Amino acid sequence: MLRFTKSIKIKKLFYLMNSILITICTLFAESKMQKFIDSKIFNIHMFVVLILLLLLLTGLRYVKVYIKTKLDKEGTLEGQTHIVHLAYRQYYRCHLEKNTGSLLFNLTEDVYKLMPWYTYGKIELSMDIFYFICIFVMMLAIDVNLSIITVLCVLISLWCANSLSGKLAKAKNEQQELDSILNQQMINSGKCINTIRQLRKENFFEDKFNQFVEGKYLHVLKKTIYCQTMFISQMIFSREIIPFVILFTGILLALVGRTTIGSAIVVMDMSIKMSDSIQALGDNISQQHLSQEIEKRMKELVDADLDAAPASPLKTDDFESLQVRIDQYRYSTAGNPVLEDVAFEVRRGELLLIKGESGNGKSTLGKLIAGILVLEEKAGKIYYNKIDINRLNRQEYNKHVLMVCQDVVLFYGTLAENIVMEQTVNTASLDEVIFVCGLEEFVNEYGLNYMIAQSGENVSGGQKQRIGIARILIRKPDVLILDEIASALDSGMTEKIVERIVKYAQKYSIAIISISHGTEFDKYCDNMITV
């Protein structure tokens, strides 16, 4: 699902090799320890070897923790970068169907919980199994009876760990889904906080929040706490009780001459290591289950290649005409139709005006024409030069057809950077669109290198709107779709900018599709439709 850089892959290889070295050194140290104890004499040479082995194991474990931490932090960053990359390339409909809280949760908390499995979790699970088998084989070589007792106890613990880890992962997944809903509630409340305060509805929204927490969230939280407690109890049994049972049994067998003290102590020590391995197995199995649940939840965001070109994309030639025929379009199969029985044609250099009441799908129509939303074949057809736009390369198509949306997003950077967005343009073209969009006074006062704050917090709504228009005009599309561009402008500025845009379009033979409630484009339009 995720692709890592060469650096991460090398670290994963080192992590695997380090884990194998730790296993080999551990087995060698256990063998030396048994011989040292059973020799019943202080062998200085063997003692020094044991000390050196312990120091080596300490160093190897330090390296393992260091590599694991690097994989965790760097791998999570790479994973989040990759998923954000995919999110940017999804069609608008994907983001429309995911609320902000869910999308934010996918890009943050879900990634943080998913990435450990992809960076080092799979390696750890494989090595835990390998370590378990090696320990068991060595225990059999030391003492068969103690080994059988140990394995029986460990298998019971493993069965419990696997069963409980699945329930714990399911409970955590349910909690995470509710966390995303809580996030969305808080985001929505924050967006309308001024209205809430004006209407004195703080208590109403607090009650709604508390009802959700007490009605759903606390139930799932209690379930998670119970599963977590049972899982920890199982780990305590594995870590504390099993070694005690093995040591006690080993001493009894040593007293009757069925084993040696050295064997009993080493098998007990190995049972602790085996219990640690079981605990790690339980954690990694739980992580695997949780990752699988998260993958299902993120499948739409990660797996869907919605921005892929058609199998045989056709070349997008210079614009001549655009024909639109929409029989019935809806956002989902369960929803009501947003658009019905819409048909029109616009030719190069023409101005088409789209009017209609709020909520009748005017903006949706614009997004369908711009390719932001996908029009399925059964819903209708949009033809660019008599070719279905679904057969065209999407990136090429958007060099010819662009839309100025209502929700203009500005980023931290200069005014010029927010307009050109890395596109190479000459000074004359930039000056021209600045004039057309009524930004000349702003530029004269502050300059093109004026730093725009994140989300455009240091410019007005009207200035933000005009920067958004300039961003599209600088690319000189063949078809320019304008969605309520006067919504943040006063009447005087609106009249001036509309006149300049129309002249700009006439100069470069640009077809305009204007979506508007007002009358600012009425005297310029060649055709008008109502939806």
Protein backbone atom coordinates (compact mmCIF):
# COMPACT_ATOMS: atom_id res chain seq x y z
CA MET A 1 0.00 0.00 0.00
CA LEU A 2 2.82 2.41 0.88
CA ARG A 3 6.14 3.02 -0.82
CA PHE A 4 9.20 3.88 1.23
CA THR A 5 12.45 5.55 0.22
CA LYS A 6 15.71 3.65 -0.11
CA SER A 7 16.84 5.05 3.26
CA ILE A 8 13.89 3.45 5.09
CA LYS A 9 14.36 0.16 3.24
CA ILE A 10 18.04 0.05 4.29
CA LYS A 11 17.09 0.74 7.91
CA LYS A 12 14.52 -2.08 7.76
CA LEU A 13 17.26 -4.42 6.48
CA PHE A 14 19.62 -3.38 9.31
CA TYR A 15 16.80 -3.87 11.80
CA LEU A 16 16.26 -7.41 10.52
CA MET A 17 19.98 -8.26 10.61
CA ASN A 18 20.32 -6.80 14.11
CA SER A 19 17.37 -8.88 15.35
CA ILE A 20 18.93 -12.07 13.93
CA LEU A 21 22.27 -11.26 15.63
CA ILE A 22 20.50 -10.74 18.97
CA THR A 23 18.80 -14.15 18.62
CA ILE A 24 22.10 -15.91 17.85
CA CYS A 25 23.98 -14.20 20.72
CA THR A 26 21.13 -14.92 23.16
CA LEU A 27 21.15 -18.65 22.36
CA PHE A 28 24.95 -18.78 22.64
CA ALA A 29 24.83 -16.94 26.00
CA GLU A 30 22.19 -19.34 27.38
CA SER A 31 24.29 -22.33 26.37
CA LYS A 32 27.37 -20.89 28.08
CA MET A 33 25.36 -20.02 31.20
CA GLN A 34 24.08 -23.59 31.59
CA LYS A 35 27.60 -24.99 31.28
CA PHE A 36 28.95 -22.40 33.74
CA ILE A 37 26.32 -23.25 36.41
CA ASP A 38 26.50 -27.01 35.98
CA SER A 39 30.31 -27.02 36.11
CA LYS A 40 29.99 -26.12 39.86
CA ILE A 41 33.34 -24.34 39.71
CA PHE A 42 34.23 -20.73 38.99
CA ASN A 43 35.69 -20.82 35.49
CA ILE A 44 37.18 -17.37 34.94
CA HIS A 45 37.45 -17.86 31.17
CA MET A 46 33.79 -18.85 30.83
CA PHE A 47 32.78 -16.01 33.17
CA VAL A 48 34.59 -13.41 31.03
CA VAL A 49 32.95 -14.83 27.89
CA LEU A 50 29.54 -14.50 29.56
CA ILE A 51 30.22 -10.89 30.56
CA LEU A 52 31.38 -10.03 27.03
CA LEU A 53 28.29 -11.67 25.56
CA LEU A 54 26.04 -9.67 27.90
CA LEU A 55 27.82 -6.45 26.93
CA LEU A 56 27.47 -7.34 23.24
CA LEU A 57 23.76 -8.04 23.70
CA THR A 58 23.33 -4.71 25.49
CA GLY A 59 24.99 -2.91 22.58
CA LEU A 60 22.92 -4.77 19.99
CA ARG A 61 19.69 -4.00 21.85
CA TYR A 62 20.65 -0.33 22.02
CA VAL A 63 21.21 -0.32 18.25
CA LYS A 64 17.89 -2.11 17.76
CA VAL A 65 16.01 0.50 19.78
CA TYR A 66 17.80 3.30 17.93
CA ILE A 67 16.93 1.87 14.48
CA LYS A 68 13.36 1.18 15.61
CA THR A 69 12.94 4.77 16.79
CA LYS A 70 14.36 6.07 13.49
CA LEU A 71 11.98 3.83 11.54
CA ASP A 72 9.05 4.94 13.68
CA LYS A 73 9.65 8.68 13.31
CA GLU A 74 10.98 8.82 9.74
CA GLY A 75 8.64 6.11 8.47
CA THR A 76 5.59 7.85 9.95
CA LEU A 77 6.63 11.11 8.29
CA GLU A 78 7.12 9.37 4.93
CA GLY A 79 3.82 7.53 5.30
CA GLN A 80 1.94 10.71 6.11
CA THR A 81 3.63 12.47 3.19
CA HIS A 82 2.61 9.64 0.85
CA ILE A 83 -1.00 9.62 2.04
CA VAL A 84 -1.24 13.42 1.77
CA HIS A 85 0.17 13.02 -1.77
CA LEU A 86 -2.64 10.56 -2.55
CA ALA A 87 -5.25 12.79 -0.93
CA TYR A 88 -4.20 15.71 -3.14
CA ARG A 89 -4.79 13.53 -6.20
CA GLN A 90 -8.28 12.36 -5.29
CA TYR A 91 -11.23 13.87 -7.07
CA TYR A 92 -13.24 16.49 -5.24
CA ARG A 93 -16.05 13.99 -4.70
CA CYS A 94 -13.84 11.88 -2.41
CA HIS A 95 -13.27 14.89 -0.14
CA LEU A 96 -16.90 15.90 -0.44
CA GLU A 97 -18.02 12.51 0.90
CA LYS A 98 -15.49 12.60 3.76
CA ASN A 99 -16.17 15.18 6.45
CA THR A 100 -13.27 17.31 7.66
CA GLY A 101 -12.95 15.44 10.96
CA SER A 102 -12.65 12.02 9.27
CA LEU A 103 -10.19 13.29 6.69
CA LEU A 104 -8.09 14.99 9.38
CA PHE A 105 -8.16 11.80 11.46
CA ASN A 106 -7.07 9.73 8.42
CA LEU A 107 -4.11 12.01 7.83
CA THR A 108 -2.99 12.15 11.48
CA GLU A 109 -4.05 9.60 14.09
CA ASP A 110 -4.74 6.79 11.62
CA VAL A 111 -1.31 7.26 10.03
CA TYR A 112 0.42 7.32 13.43
CA LYS A 113 -1.19 3.98 14.35
CA LEU A 114 -0.78 2.43 10.91
CA MET A 115 2.87 3.20 10.19
CA PRO A 116 4.53 1.10 12.97
CA TRP A 117 3.15 -2.01 11.28
CA TYR A 118 4.57 -1.04 7.88
CA THR A 119 7.93 0.23 9.13
CA TYR A 120 9.01 -2.42 11.65
CA GLY A 121 5.88 -4.34 12.75
CA LYS A 122 6.03 -7.00 10.03
CA ILE A 123 9.74 -7.59 10.70
CA GLU A 124 9.13 -7.83 14.44
CA LEU A 125 6.29 -10.32 13.98
CA SER A 126 8.46 -12.54 11.76
CA MET A 127 11.42 -12.28 14.15
CA ASP A 128 9.24 -13.03 17.18
CA ILE A 129 8.10 -16.26 15.51
CA PHE A 130 11.70 -17.08 14.54
CA TYR A 131 12.94 -16.28 18.06
CA PHE A 132 10.17 -18.41 19.59
CA ILE A 133 11.10 -21.42 17.42
CA CYS A 134 14.84 -21.05 18.19
CA ILE A 135 14.20 -20.81 21.94
CA PHE A 136 11.90 -23.84 21.83
CA VAL A 137 14.42 -25.97 19.90
CA MET A 138 17.18 -25.08 22.36
CA MET A 139 14.92 -25.79 25.34
CA LEU A 140 14.18 -29.24 23.90
CA ALA A 141 17.91 -29.86 23.60
CA ILE A 142 18.40 -28.91 27.28
CA ASP A 143 15.37 -30.62 28.89
CA VAL A 144 12.39 -32.17 27.11
CA ASN A 145 10.05 -32.33 30.14
CA LEU A 146 10.52 -28.70 31.15
CA SER A 147 10.24 -27.66 27.52
CA ILE A 148 6.87 -29.39 27.07
CA ILE A 149 5.47 -27.78 30.24
CA THR A 150 6.78 -24.38 29.14
CA VAL A 151 5.34 -24.67 25.64
CA LEU A 152 1.92 -25.75 26.95
CA CYS A 153 1.77 -22.69 29.21
CA VAL A 154 3.01 -20.44 26.40
CA LEU A 155 0.54 -21.81 23.85
CA ILE A 156 -2.34 -21.09 26.25
CA SER A 157 -0.96 -17.59 26.69
CA LEU A 158 -0.57 -17.18 22.91
CA TRP A 159 -4.16 -18.27 22.28
CA CYS A 160 -5.38 -15.75 24.87
CA ALA A 161 -3.15 -13.03 23.37
CA ASN A 162 -4.47 -13.61 19.85
CA SER A 163 -8.10 -13.70 20.98
CA LEU A 164 -7.80 -10.62 23.17
CA SER A 165 -5.72 -8.65 20.63
CA GLY A 166 -8.48 -9.00 18.03
CA LYS A 167 -11.11 -7.74 20.46
CA LEU A 168 -8.82 -4.92 21.60
CA ALA A 169 -8.09 -3.86 18.01
CA LYS A 170 -11.82 -3.84 17.20
CA ALA A 171 -12.58 -1.77 20.31
CA LYS A 172 -9.78 0.71 19.50
CA ASN A 173 -11.01 1.01 15.92
CA GLU A 174 -14.54 1.80 17.13
CA GLN A 175 -13.08 4.41 19.48
CA GLN A 176 -11.05 5.97 16.65
CA GLU A 177 -14.14 6.22 14.44
CA LEU A 178 -15.97 8.03 17.24
CA ASP A 179 -12.90 10.22 17.79
CA SER A 180 -13.20 11.42 14.18
CA ILE A 181 -16.88 12.27 14.79
CA LEU A 182 -15.94 14.19 17.94
CA ASN A 183 -13.28 16.04 15.92
CA GLN A 184 -15.88 16.99 13.32
CA GLN A 185 -18.31 18.21 15.97
CA MET A 186 -15.65 20.45 17.50
CA ILE A 187 -14.60 21.75 14.04
CA ASN A 188 -18.22 22.54 13.13
CA SER A 189 -18.81 24.27 16.46
CA GLY A 190 -15.64 26.31 16.00
CA LYS A 191 -16.74 27.45 12.53
CA CYS A 192 -20.06 28.80 13.83
CA ILE A 193 -18.93 29.91 17.31
CA ASN A 194 -19.98 33.52 16.68
CA THR A 195 -23.50 32.46 15.73
CA ILE A 196 -23.67 30.18 18.78
CA ARG A 197 -22.71 33.05 21.06
CA GLN A 198 -25.08 35.52 19.42
CA LEU A 199 -28.00 33.13 19.84
CA ARG A 200 -26.86 32.18 23.35
CA LYS A 201 -26.91 28.49 22.38
CA GLU A 202 -23.74 27.44 24.24
CA ASN A 203 -25.73 25.15 26.55
CA PHE A 204 -27.57 23.59 23.61
CA PHE A 205 -24.34 22.60 21.85
CA GLU A 206 -22.73 21.48 25.11
CA ASP A 207 -25.75 19.23 25.73
CA LYS A 208 -25.51 17.80 22.20
CA PHE A 209 -21.82 17.08 22.76
CA ASN A 210 -22.47 15.49 26.16
CA GLN A 211 -25.30 13.36 24.75
CA PHE A 212 -22.95 11.93 22.15
CA VAL A 213 -20.20 11.31 24.69
CA GLU A 214 -22.51 9.69 27.25
CA GLY A 215 -24.67 7.87 24.73
CA LYS A 216 -22.02 6.32 22.45
CA TYR A 217 -18.47 7.30 23.30
CA LEU A 218 -18.40 6.20 26.94
CA HIS A 219 -19.82 2.77 26.05
CA VAL A 220 -17.05 2.17 23.51
CA LEU A 221 -14.45 3.65 25.89
CA LYS A 222 -15.49 1.22 28.65
CA LYS A 223 -15.25 -1.63 26.17
CA THR A 224 -11.72 -0.52 25.20
CA ILE A 225 -10.68 -0.25 28.87
CA TYR A 226 -12.01 -3.75 29.59
CA CYS A 227 -10.24 -5.29 26.59
CA GLN A 228 -7.03 -3.40 27.44
CA THR A 229 -7.19 -4.64 31.06
CA MET A 230 -7.71 -8.26 30.00
CA PHE A 231 -4.88 -7.98 27.48
CA ILE A 232 -2.49 -6.59 30.13
CA SER A 233 -3.58 -9.32 32.58
CA GLN A 234 -2.68 -11.93 30.00
CA MET A 235 0.74 -10.31 29.55
CA ILE A 236 1.32 -10.35 33.32
CA PHE A 237 0.45 -14.06 33.40
CA SER A 238 2.86 -14.69 30.55
CA ARG A 239 5.66 -12.56 32.06
CA GLU A 240 5.36 -13.36 35.78
CA ILE A 241 3.46 -16.62 36.39
CA ILE A 242 4.90 -18.90 33.68
CA PRO A 243 8.59 -18.41 34.70
CA PHE A 244 7.71 -19.09 38.34
CA VAL A 245 5.92 -22.35 37.38
CA ILE A 246 8.90 -23.45 35.27
CA LEU A 247 11.47 -22.68 37.98
CA PHE A 248 9.42 -24.46 40.66
CA THR A 249 8.97 -27.51 38.39
CA GLY A 250 12.68 -27.48 37.48
CA ILE A 251 13.74 -27.47 41.14
CA LEU A 252 11.43 -30.41 41.87
CA LEU A 253 12.86 -32.36 38.92
CA ALA A 254 16.42 -31.48 40.02
CA LEU A 255 15.71 -32.80 43.53
CA VAL A 256 14.68 -36.19 42.11
CA GLY A 257 17.62 -36.23 39.69
CA ARG A 258 15.63 -35.77 36.48
CA THR A 259 17.43 -32.54 35.51
CA THR A 260 20.19 -30.23 36.68
CA ILE A 261 20.02 -26.89 38.48
CA GLY A 262 21.76 -25.27 35.53
CA SER A 263 19.13 -26.63 33.15
CA ALA A 264 16.28 -25.51 35.44
CA ILE A 265 17.67 -21.97 35.73
CA VAL A 266 18.41 -21.65 32.01
CA VAL A 267 15.00 -23.04 30.99
CA MET A 268 13.35 -20.61 33.42
CA ASP A 269 15.36 -17.74 31.91
CA MET A 270 14.43 -18.90 28.43
CA SER A 271 10.78 -19.17 29.47
CA ILE A 272 10.97 -15.47 30.44
CA LYS A 273 12.41 -14.70 27.01
CA MET A 274 9.74 -16.86 25.42
CA SER A 275 7.09 -15.00 27.44
CA ASP A 276 8.57 -11.72 26.26
CA SER A 277 8.37 -13.08 22.73
CA ILE A 278 4.73 -14.04 23.29
CA GLN A 279 4.01 -10.59 24.68
CA ALA A 280 5.66 -9.02 21.64
CA LEU A 281 3.72 -11.41 19.39
CA GLY A 282 0.50 -10.32 21.09
CA ASP A 283 1.36 -6.66 20.63
CA ASN A 284 2.27 -7.17 16.97
CA ILE A 285 -0.80 -9.29 16.26
CA SER A 286 -2.90 -6.56 17.87
CA GLN A 287 -1.08 -3.99 15.73
CA GLN A 288 -1.73 -6.13 12.64
CA HIS A 289 -5.47 -6.36 13.44
CA LEU A 290 -5.65 -2.63 14.13
CA SER A 291 -3.77 -1.84 10.91
CA GLN A 292 -6.17 -4.01 8.92
CA GLU A 293 -9.14 -2.13 10.39
CA ILE A 294 -7.48 1.23 9.66
CA GLU A 295 -6.71 0.10 6.09
CA LYS A 296 -10.39 -0.67 5.53
CA ARG A 297 -11.30 2.78 6.81
CA MET A 298 -8.67 4.49 4.65
CA LYS A 299 -9.22 2.34 1.57
CA GLU A 300 -11.04 5.07 -0.35
CA LEU A 301 -8.30 7.57 0.38
CA VAL A 302 -5.34 5.27 -0.30
CA ASP A 303 -6.32 2.65 -2.86
CA ALA A 304 -8.64 4.48 -5.23
CA ASP A 305 -6.64 5.80 -8.16
CA LEU A 306 -9.29 8.31 -9.15
CA ASP A 307 -6.93 10.65 -10.93
CA ALA A 308 -5.61 8.02 -13.30
CA ALA A 309 -5.89 8.76 -16.99
CA PRO A 310 -8.10 6.59 -19.22
CA ALA A 311 -6.57 3.47 -20.73
CA SER A 312 -5.98 5.31 -24.02
CA PRO A 313 -6.22 9.03 -23.29
CA LEU A 314 -6.90 11.22 -26.30
CA LYS A 315 -5.07 14.46 -27.01
CA THR A 316 -6.85 17.62 -25.89
CA ASP A 317 -6.83 19.95 -28.89
CA ASP A 318 -7.46 23.69 -28.87
CA PHE A 319 -11.00 24.49 -27.85
CA GLU A 320 -13.81 24.82 -30.36
CA SER A 321 -16.99 23.88 -28.52
CA LEU A 322 -18.32 22.28 -25.34
CA GLN A 323 -21.57 20.32 -25.27
CA VAL A 324 -23.21 19.38 -21.95
CA ARG A 325 -26.03 16.88 -21.51
CA ILE A 326 -26.90 15.79 -17.99
CA ASP A 327 -29.89 13.50 -17.60
CA GLN A 328 -29.67 13.00 -13.85
CA TYR A 329 -26.72 13.53 -11.49
CA ARG A 330 -26.55 12.75 -7.79
CA TYR A 331 -23.71 12.64 -5.27
CA SER A 332 -24.55 9.10 -4.18
CA THR A 333 -26.99 6.42 -5.28
CA ALA A 334 -29.03 6.99 -2.11
CA GLY A 335 -29.29 10.79 -2.49
CA ASN A 336 -31.78 12.91 -4.40
CA PRO A 337 -30.79 14.15 -7.88
CA VAL A 338 -28.78 17.37 -7.80
CA LEU A 339 -29.14 18.07 -11.53
CA GLU A 340 -31.76 16.90 -14.02
CA ASP A 341 -32.36 17.52 -17.73
CA VAL A 342 -29.58 20.04 -18.32
CA ALA A 343 -28.36 20.61 -21.89
CA PHE A 344 -26.45 23.43 -23.55
CA GLU A 345 -23.50 24.25 -25.81
CA VAL A 346 -20.86 26.95 -25.54
CA ARG A 347 -18.39 27.89 -28.28
CA ARG A 348 -15.02 29.61 -28.30
CA GLY A 349 -15.21 33.22 -27.13
CA GLU A 350 -18.88 32.99 -26.02
CA LEU A 351 -20.24 33.91 -22.60
CA LEU A 352 -22.84 31.56 -21.11
CA LEU A 353 -24.70 32.61 -17.96
CA ILE A 354 -26.03 29.95 -15.57
CA LYS A 355 -28.70 31.08 -13.11
CA GLY A 356 -30.92 29.35 -10.60
CA GLU A 357 -31.96 29.27 -6.97
CA SER A 358 -29.49 28.38 -4.24
CA GLY A 359 -29.09 24.62 -3.88
CA ASN A 360 -30.18 23.83 -7.44
CA GLY A 361 -26.74 22.49 -8.42
CA LYS A 362 -25.17 25.43 -10.25
CA SER A 363 -21.76 24.99 -8.58
CA THR A 364 -21.99 21.23 -9.03
CA LEU A 365 -22.56 21.77 -12.75
CA GLY A 366 -19.46 23.95 -12.93
CA LYS A 367 -17.38 21.31 -11.14
CA LEU A 368 -18.61 18.62 -13.52
CA ILE A 369 -17.58 20.70 -16.53
CA ALA A 370 -14.18 21.45 -14.95
CA GLY A 371 -13.62 17.76 -14.25
CA ILE A 372 -13.47 18.34 -10.48
CA LEU A 373 -16.41 15.96 -10.15
CA VAL A 374 -16.77 12.87 -12.35
CA LEU A 375 -19.87 12.47 -14.48
CA GLU A 376 -20.65 8.79 -14.79
CA GLU A 377 -21.79 7.55 -18.19
CA LYS A 378 -25.35 6.75 -17.08
CA ALA A 379 -25.78 10.29 -15.69
CA GLY A 380 -24.99 12.08 -18.95
CA LYS A 381 -22.17 13.30 -21.17
CA ILE A 382 -19.89 16.31 -21.46
CA TYR A 383 -18.15 16.69 -24.82
CA TYR A 384 -15.04 18.76 -25.47
CA ASN A 385 -14.73 19.25 -29.23
CA LYS A 386 -17.26 16.37 -29.57
CA ILE A 387 -15.07 14.03 -27.46
CA ASP A 388 -16.30 12.66 -24.11
CA ILE A 389 -14.13 14.37 -21.47
CA ASN A 390 -13.81 11.04 -19.62
CA ARG A 391 -11.70 9.85 -22.56
CA LEU A 392 -9.32 12.80 -22.27
CA ASN A 393 -6.18 13.03 -20.20
CA ARG A 394 -7.32 14.92 -17.10
CA GLN A 395 -4.18 17.02 -16.70
CA GLU A 396 -4.24 18.03 -20.35
CA TYR A 397 -7.96 18.82 -20.14
CA ASN A 398 -7.36 21.16 -17.19
CA LYS A 399 -4.89 23.17 -19.23
CA HIS A 400 -7.88 24.20 -21.34
CA VAL A 401 -10.78 24.22 -18.85
CA LEU A 402 -10.44 25.83 -15.42
CA MET A 403 -12.83 26.98 -12.70
CA VAL A 404 -12.65 29.83 -10.18
CA CYS A 405 -14.28 28.28 -7.11
CA GLN A 406 -15.93 30.14 -4.24
CA ASP A 407 -13.59 28.67 -1.64
CA VAL A 408 -10.27 30.33 -2.51
CA VAL A 409 -7.39 28.94 -0.45
CA LEU A 410 -4.25 31.01 0.01
CA PHE A 411 -0.97 29.69 1.38
CA TYR A 412 1.98 31.24 3.17
CA GLY A 413 4.06 32.92 0.48
CA THR A 414 4.34 36.10 -1.54
CA LEU A 415 1.42 37.55 -3.49
CA ALA A 416 3.17 36.60 -6.73
CA GLU A 417 3.69 33.01 -5.53
CA ASN A 418 0.00 32.71 -4.62
CA ILE A 419 -0.95 33.78 -8.15
CA VAL A 420 1.55 31.95 -10.38
CA MET A 421 2.09 28.85 -8.14
CA GLU A 422 5.44 27.97 -9.74
CA GLN A 423 4.20 28.52 -13.29
CA THR A 424 6.64 30.47 -15.44
CA VAL A 425 5.02 33.71 -16.61
CA ASN A 426 6.38 36.94 -17.99
CA THR A 427 6.01 40.24 -16.16
CA ALA A 428 3.59 41.66 -18.73
CA SER A 429 1.15 38.75 -18.28
CA LEU A 430 1.30 39.05 -14.50
CA ASP A 431 0.75 42.81 -14.60
CA GLU A 432 -2.19 42.29 -16.96
CA VAL A 433 -4.09 39.88 -14.68
CA ILE A 434 -3.34 42.06 -11.65
CA PHE A 435 -5.06 44.93 -13.45
CA VAL A 436 -7.96 42.78 -14.67
CA CYS A 437 -8.60 41.53 -11.12
CA GLY A 438 -8.44 44.99 -9.55
CA LEU A 439 -5.28 44.27 -7.56
CA GLU A 440 -3.21 47.13 -8.97
CA GLU A 441 -3.72 49.40 -5.94
CA PHE A 442 -2.79 46.58 -3.55
CA VAL A 443 0.38 45.86 -5.56
CA ASN A 444 1.30 49.54 -5.77
CA GLU A 445 1.04 49.83 -2.00
CA TYR A 446 2.56 46.52 -0.86
CA GLY A 447 4.33 45.05 -3.88
CA LEU A 448 4.30 41.57 -5.43
CA ASN A 449 6.59 40.29 -2.67
CA TYR A 450 4.04 41.03 0.04
CA MET A 451 3.88 37.94 2.28
CA ILE A 452 0.42 36.37 2.47
CA ALA A 453 -0.25 34.67 5.82
CA GLN A 454 -1.45 31.08 6.03
CA SER A 455 -5.06 30.87 4.73
CA GLY A 456 -4.81 34.56 3.75
CA GLU A 457 -5.46 35.83 7.27
CA ASN A 458 -3.85 39.22 6.51
CA VAL A 459 -5.98 40.05 3.44
CA SER A 460 -9.68 40.84 3.13
CA GLY A 461 -12.29 38.48 1.70
CA GLY A 462 -12.55 40.58 -1.46
CA GLN A 463 -8.77 40.60 -1.94
CA LYS A 464 -8.67 36.85 -1.42
CA GLN A 465 -11.41 36.41 -4.04
CA ARG A 466 -9.52 38.56 -6.58
CA ILE A 467 -6.26 36.67 -5.99
CA GLY A 468 -8.18 33.45 -6.69
CA ILE A 469 -9.46 34.89 -9.98
CA ALA A 470 -5.96 36.07 -10.96
CA ARG A 471 -4.58 32.59 -10.22
CA ILE A 472 -6.83 31.12 -12.94
CA LEU A 473 -6.68 33.99 -15.46
CA ILE A 474 -2.87 33.90 -15.59
CA ARG A 475 -3.16 30.43 -17.16
CA LYS A 476 -5.39 31.72 -20.01
CA PRO A 477 -7.74 28.71 -20.20
CA ASP A 478 -9.90 28.20 -23.28
CA VAL A 479 -12.96 27.78 -21.02
CA LEU A 480 -13.20 29.88 -17.86
CA ILE A 481 -15.84 28.86 -15.30
CA LEU A 482 -16.65 31.58 -12.76
CA ASP A 483 -18.59 30.49 -9.66
CA GLU A 484 -20.22 33.46 -7.88
CA ILE A 485 -17.07 35.59 -8.17
CA ALA A 486 -18.95 38.66 -6.88
CA SER A 487 -19.89 37.03 -3.56
CA ALA A 488 -17.10 38.80 -1.63
CA LEU A 489 -16.97 42.03 -3.70
CA ASP A 490 -18.86 45.31 -3.38
CA SER A 491 -21.02 46.44 -6.27
CA GLY A 492 -18.54 49.03 -7.60
CA MET A 493 -15.62 46.60 -7.61
CA THR A 494 -17.83 43.87 -9.10
CA GLU A 495 -18.86 46.01 -12.08
CA LYS A 496 -15.25 47.05 -12.77
CA ILE A 497 -13.80 43.52 -12.53
CA VAL A 498 -16.57 41.89 -14.58
CA GLU A 499 -16.03 44.42 -17.39
CA ARG A 500 -12.26 43.78 -17.33
CA ILE A 501 -12.68 39.99 -17.29
CA VAL A 502 -15.04 40.14 -20.30
CA LYS A 503 -12.55 42.27 -22.25
CA TYR A 504 -9.70 39.93 -21.24
CA ALA A 505 -11.75 36.94 -22.46
CA GLN A 506 -12.52 38.68 -25.75
CA LYS A 507 -8.85 39.51 -26.26
CA TYR A 508 -7.78 35.87 -25.86
CA SER A 509 -10.97 34.25 -27.28
CA ILE A 510 -11.80 32.64 -23.93
CA ALA A 511 -15.26 31.12 -23.46
CA ILE A 512 -16.80 32.11 -20.12
CA ILE A 513 -19.35 30.07 -18.17
CA SER A 514 -20.54 32.35 -15.38
CA ILE A 515 -22.52 31.01 -12.42
CA SER A 516 -24.23 33.95 -10.74
CA HIS A 517 -27.20 35.03 -8.64
CA GLY A 518 -26.73 38.66 -9.63
CA THR A 519 -27.05 40.60 -12.85
CA GLU A 520 -23.41 41.62 -13.29
CA PHE A 521 -22.91 39.42 -16.39
CA ASP A 522 -26.39 39.83 -17.91
CA LYS A 523 -25.50 42.55 -20.45
CA TYR A 524 -22.46 40.62 -21.69
CA CYS A 525 -23.91 37.10 -22.05
CA ASP A 526 -24.56 35.41 -25.39
CA ASN A 527 -26.78 32.71 -23.86
CA MET A 528 -28.45 32.07 -20.53
CA ILE A 529 -29.77 28.87 -18.90
CA THR A 530 -31.60 28.28 -15.63
CA VAL A 531 -31.13 25.22 -13.43
